[in-house]
Amino acid sequence: MLAPKRPRSGKSKFRVLYLGSDLELMAAVRQILTQPDYRVVTCSDRESAILFLRSRIPYDLLLIDLDWQGTVGLKLARLAHSMRHRKRMPKILVSSIDLSSNLKASARKAGVNEYVMKSPPASVIEVIRRTVEKRER
């Protein structure tokens, strides 16, 4: 007699939307934050990013790469923050350079909760984990 099949869960515990094009960073993130617990969705063009943000797909975190398109990332953070269904979603800004105080202020105004340097990738991964797991409690 065959054992009954247990239904497989197709849902991830946490969904992260990454707006950027840093393949090395995403490879490092995906190596540590693996499925089924984490699902990292990447988007590398502005128009698709807007579609993702407007969609009803639930995300636990928005990760924006400042190196990707500069201040366009901040505009997308502001857009997400203005949307009722995305307002409370944490927004993290990653950058390869330390942010100036003016840029940090602009990021806060855009709804960014935290910023982190890309290098080492472990710091980005730690911020992602801490942020989404804190929301789960």
C-alpha atoms as a PDB file:
ATOM      1  CA  MET A   1       0.000   0.000   0.000  1.00  0.00           C
ATOM      2  CA  LEU A   2       1.335   3.410  -0.956  1.00  0.00           C
ATOM      3  CA  ALA A   3       1.641   6.078   1.670  1.00  0.00           C
ATOM      4  CA  PRO A   4      -0.598   9.083   1.083  1.00  0.00           C
ATOM      5  CA  LYS A   5       1.175  11.961  -0.556  1.00  0.00           C
ATOM      6  CA  ARG A   6       1.622  14.969   1.614  1.00  0.00           C
ATOM      7  CA  PRO A   7       0.581  18.135  -0.211  1.00  0.00           C
ATOM      8  CA  ARG A   8       3.559  20.287  -1.111  1.00  0.00           C
ATOM      9  CA  SER A   9       3.431  23.829  -0.047  1.00  0.00           C
ATOM     10  CA  GLY A  10       4.057  26.154  -2.975  1.00  0.00           C
ATOM     11  CA  LYS A  11       4.076  29.203  -0.751  1.00  0.00           C
ATOM     12  CA  SER A  12       7.187  30.827   0.572  1.00  0.00           C
ATOM     13  CA  LYS A  13       7.322  32.040   4.121  1.00  0.00           C
ATOM     14  CA  PHE A  14       8.856  35.385   3.046  1.00  0.00           C
ATOM     15  CA  ARG A  15       8.769  37.195  -0.315  1.00  0.00           C
ATOM     16  CA  VAL A  16      11.369  39.826  -1.150  1.00  0.00           C
ATOM     17  CA  LEU A  17      11.122  42.139  -4.161  1.00  0.00           C
ATOM     18  CA  TYR A  18      14.544  43.304  -5.350  1.00  0.00           C
ATOM     19  CA  LEU A  19      14.748  46.271  -7.717  1.00  0.00           C
ATOM     20  CA  GLY A  20      18.180  46.239  -9.238  1.00  0.00           C
ATOM     21  CA  SER A  21      20.617  44.433 -11.504  1.00  0.00           C
ATOM     22  CA  ASP A  22      23.476  43.274  -9.269  1.00  0.00           C
ATOM     23  CA  LEU A  23      23.704  39.600 -10.210  1.00  0.00           C
ATOM     24  CA  GLU A  24      26.515  38.875  -7.749  1.00  0.00           C
ATOM     25  CA  LEU A  25      24.538  40.284  -4.839  1.00  0.00           C
ATOM     26  CA  MET A  26      21.446  38.320  -5.823  1.00  0.00           C
ATOM     27  CA  ALA A  27      23.458  35.114  -6.211  1.00  0.00           C
ATOM     28  CA  ALA A  28      24.812  35.566  -2.673  1.00  0.00           C
ATOM     29  CA  VAL A  29      21.355  36.364  -1.293  1.00  0.00           C
ATOM     30  CA  ARG A  30      19.750  33.377  -3.012  1.00  0.00           C
ATOM     31  CA  GLN A  31      22.516  31.068  -1.851  1.00  0.00           C
ATOM     32  CA  ILE A  32      21.697  31.829   1.800  1.00  0.00           C
ATOM     33  CA  LEU A  33      18.024  32.772   1.699  1.00  0.00           C
ATOM     34  CA  THR A  34      16.750  29.659   0.012  1.00  0.00           C
ATOM     35  CA  GLN A  35      13.333  28.420  -0.975  1.00  0.00           C
ATOM     36  CA  PRO A  36      10.889  27.423   0.377  1.00  0.00           C
ATOM     37  CA  ASP A  37      11.434  29.888   3.233  1.00  0.00           C
ATOM     38  CA  TYR A  38      12.450  32.814   1.035  1.00  0.00           C
ATOM     39  CA  ARG A  39      11.354  33.742  -2.441  1.00  0.00           C
ATOM     40  CA  VAL A  40      13.427  36.529  -3.956  1.00  0.00           C
ATOM     41  CA  VAL A  41      11.807  38.187  -6.958  1.00  0.00           C
ATOM     42  CA  THR A  42      14.144  40.348  -9.022  1.00  0.00           C
ATOM     43  CA  CYS A  43      13.213  43.179 -11.314  1.00  0.00           C
ATOM     44  CA  SER A  44      15.718  45.124 -13.372  1.00  0.00           C
ATOM     45  CA  ASP A  45      13.618  47.639 -15.295  1.00  0.00           C
ATOM     46  CA  ARG A  46      11.561  50.584 -14.114  1.00  0.00           C
ATOM     47  CA  GLU A  47       8.324  49.761 -15.947  1.00  0.00           C
ATOM     48  CA  SER A  48       8.186  46.201 -14.599  1.00  0.00           C
ATOM     49  CA  ALA A  49       9.030  47.487 -11.133  1.00  0.00           C
ATOM     50  CA  ILE A  50       5.979  49.740 -11.243  1.00  0.00           C
ATOM     51  CA  LEU A  51       3.818  46.794 -12.335  1.00  0.00           C
ATOM     52  CA  PHE A  52       5.156  44.643  -9.481  1.00  0.00           C
ATOM     53  CA  LEU A  53       4.499  47.406  -6.966  1.00  0.00           C
ATOM     54  CA  ARG A  54       0.965  48.027  -8.222  1.00  0.00           C
ATOM     55  CA  SER A  55       0.125  44.328  -8.248  1.00  0.00           C
ATOM     56  CA  ARG A  56      -1.585  42.626  -5.333  1.00  0.00           C
ATOM     57  CA  ILE A  57       1.251  40.116  -5.006  1.00  0.00           C
ATOM     58  CA  PRO A  58       2.254  40.202  -1.350  1.00  0.00           C
ATOM     59  CA  TYR A  59       5.865  41.069  -0.533  1.00  0.00           C
ATOM     60  CA  ASP A  60       7.404  41.187   2.916  1.00  0.00           C
ATOM     61  CA  LEU A  61      10.204  43.529   1.919  1.00  0.00           C
ATOM     62  CA  LEU A  62      11.283  45.860  -0.865  1.00  0.00           C
ATOM     63  CA  LEU A  63      15.039  45.863  -1.508  1.00  0.00           C
ATOM     64  CA  ILE A  64      16.166  48.735  -3.731  1.00  0.00           C
ATOM     65  CA  ASP A  65      19.649  48.935  -5.220  1.00  0.00           C
ATOM     66  CA  LEU A  66      20.711  52.580  -5.350  1.00  0.00           C
ATOM     67  CA  ASP A  67      23.464  51.702  -7.854  1.00  0.00           C
ATOM     68  CA  TRP A  68      20.832  50.373 -10.257  1.00  0.00           C
ATOM     69  CA  GLN A  69      19.269  53.613 -11.474  1.00  0.00           C
ATOM     70  CA  GLY A  70      20.245  56.155  -8.864  1.00  0.00           C
ATOM     71  CA  THR A  71      17.417  58.281  -7.591  1.00  0.00           C
ATOM     72  CA  VAL A  72      14.866  56.352  -9.666  1.00  0.00           C
ATOM     73  CA  GLY A  73      15.025  53.806  -6.850  1.00  0.00           C
ATOM     74  CA  LEU A  74      14.017  56.491  -4.364  1.00  0.00           C
ATOM     75  CA  LYS A  75      11.113  57.494  -6.601  1.00  0.00           C
ATOM     76  CA  LEU A  76       9.962  53.871  -6.644  1.00  0.00           C
ATOM     77  CA  ALA A  77      10.281  53.718  -2.844  1.00  0.00           C
ATOM     78  CA  ARG A  78       8.139  56.854  -2.638  1.00  0.00           C
ATOM     79  CA  LEU A  79       5.606  55.285  -5.017  1.00  0.00           C
ATOM     80  CA  ALA A  80       5.446  52.124  -2.900  1.00  0.00           C
ATOM     81  CA  HIS A  81       5.095  54.180   0.263  1.00  0.00           C
ATOM     82  CA  SER A  82       2.177  56.093  -1.267  1.00  0.00           C
ATOM     83  CA  MET A  83       0.248  52.902  -2.058  1.00  0.00           C
ATOM     84  CA  ARG A  84      -2.142  51.718   0.605  1.00  0.00           C
ATOM     85  CA  HIS A  85      -1.197  48.043   0.195  1.00  0.00           C
ATOM     86  CA  ARG A  86       2.575  48.765   0.203  1.00  0.00           C
ATOM     87  CA  LYS A  87       2.803  51.557   2.789  1.00  0.00           C
ATOM     88  CA  ARG A  88       3.734  49.279   5.699  1.00  0.00           C
ATOM     89  CA  MET A  89       6.068  47.077   3.654  1.00  0.00           C
ATOM     90  CA  PRO A  90       9.656  47.644   4.853  1.00  0.00           C
ATOM     91  CA  LYS A  91      11.902  49.296   2.277  1.00  0.00           C
ATOM     92  CA  ILE A  92      15.657  48.800   2.397  1.00  0.00           C
ATOM     93  CA  LEU A  93      18.152  50.685   0.271  1.00  0.00           C
ATOM     94  CA  VAL A  94      21.427  48.970  -0.664  1.00  0.00           C
ATOM     95  CA  SER A  95      24.432  50.773  -2.079  1.00  0.00           C
ATOM     96  CA  SER A  96      28.071  50.154  -2.865  1.00  0.00           C
ATOM     97  CA  ILE A  97      28.983  53.533  -1.333  1.00  0.00           C
ATOM     98  CA  ASP A  98      28.211  55.112   2.013  1.00  0.00           C
ATOM     99  CA  LEU A  99      25.236  57.449   1.720  1.00  0.00           C
ATOM    100  CA  SER A 100      25.573  61.168   2.328  1.00  0.00           C
ATOM    101  CA  SER A 101      23.392  62.726   5.015  1.00  0.00           C
ATOM    102  CA  ASN A 102      21.322  64.427   2.263  1.00  0.00           C
ATOM    103  CA  LEU A 103      20.711  61.116   0.517  1.00  0.00           C
ATOM    104  CA  LYS A 104      19.797  59.453   3.827  1.00  0.00           C
ATOM    105  CA  ALA A 105      17.280  62.231   4.489  1.00  0.00           C
ATOM    106  CA  SER A 106      15.815  61.834   0.993  1.00  0.00           C
ATOM    107  CA  ALA A 107      15.577  58.078   1.529  1.00  0.00           C
ATOM    108  CA  ARG A 108      13.731  58.527   4.828  1.00  0.00           C
ATOM    109  CA  LYS A 109      11.295  60.942   3.154  1.00  0.00           C
ATOM    110  CA  ALA A 110      10.707  58.326   0.447  1.00  0.00           C
ATOM    111  CA  GLY A 111       9.730  55.779   3.090  1.00  0.00           C
ATOM    112  CA  VAL A 112      13.004  53.845   3.248  1.00  0.00           C
ATOM    113  CA  ASN A 113      13.351  52.174   6.642  1.00  0.00           C
ATOM    114  CA  GLU A 114      17.001  51.209   6.467  1.00  0.00           C
ATOM    115  CA  TYR A 115      20.084  51.391   4.274  1.00  0.00           C
ATOM    116  CA  VAL A 116      22.968  48.979   4.099  1.00  0.00           C
ATOM    117  CA  MET A 117      26.215  48.622   2.201  1.00  0.00           C
ATOM    118  CA  LYS A 118      26.289  45.829  -0.390  1.00  0.00           C
ATOM    119  CA  SER A 119      29.670  44.647   0.695  1.00  0.00           C
ATOM    120  CA  PRO A 120      29.851  42.266   2.357  1.00  0.00           C
ATOM    121  CA  PRO A 121      26.662  40.577   1.094  1.00  0.00           C
ATOM    122  CA  ALA A 122      26.294  38.967   4.524  1.00  0.00           C
ATOM    123  CA  SER A 123      25.295  42.368   5.927  1.00  0.00           C
ATOM    124  CA  VAL A 124      22.497  42.690   3.341  1.00  0.00           C
ATOM    125  CA  ILE A 125      21.312  39.162   4.118  1.00  0.00           C
ATOM    126  CA  GLU A 126      21.320  39.877   7.855  1.00  0.00           C
ATOM    127  CA  VAL A 127      19.221  43.032   7.407  1.00  0.00           C
ATOM    128  CA  ILE A 128      16.726  41.137   5.223  1.00  0.00           C
ATOM    129  CA  ARG A 129      16.389  38.333   7.775  1.00  0.00           C
ATOM    130  CA  ARG A 130      16.087  40.643  10.743  1.00  0.00           C
ATOM    131  CA  THR A 131      13.497  42.836   9.038  1.00  0.00           C
ATOM    132  CA  VAL A 132      11.157  40.145   7.721  1.00  0.00           C
ATOM    133  CA  GLU A 133      11.417  37.894  10.739  1.00  0.00           C
ATOM    134  CA  LYS A 134      10.699  40.826  13.066  1.00  0.00           C
ATOM    135  CA  ARG A 135       7.483  41.487  11.135  1.00  0.00           C
ATOM    136  CA  GLU A 136       6.424  37.874  11.555  1.00  0.00           C
ATOM    137  CA  ARG A 137       6.279  38.112  15.359  1.00  0.00           C
END
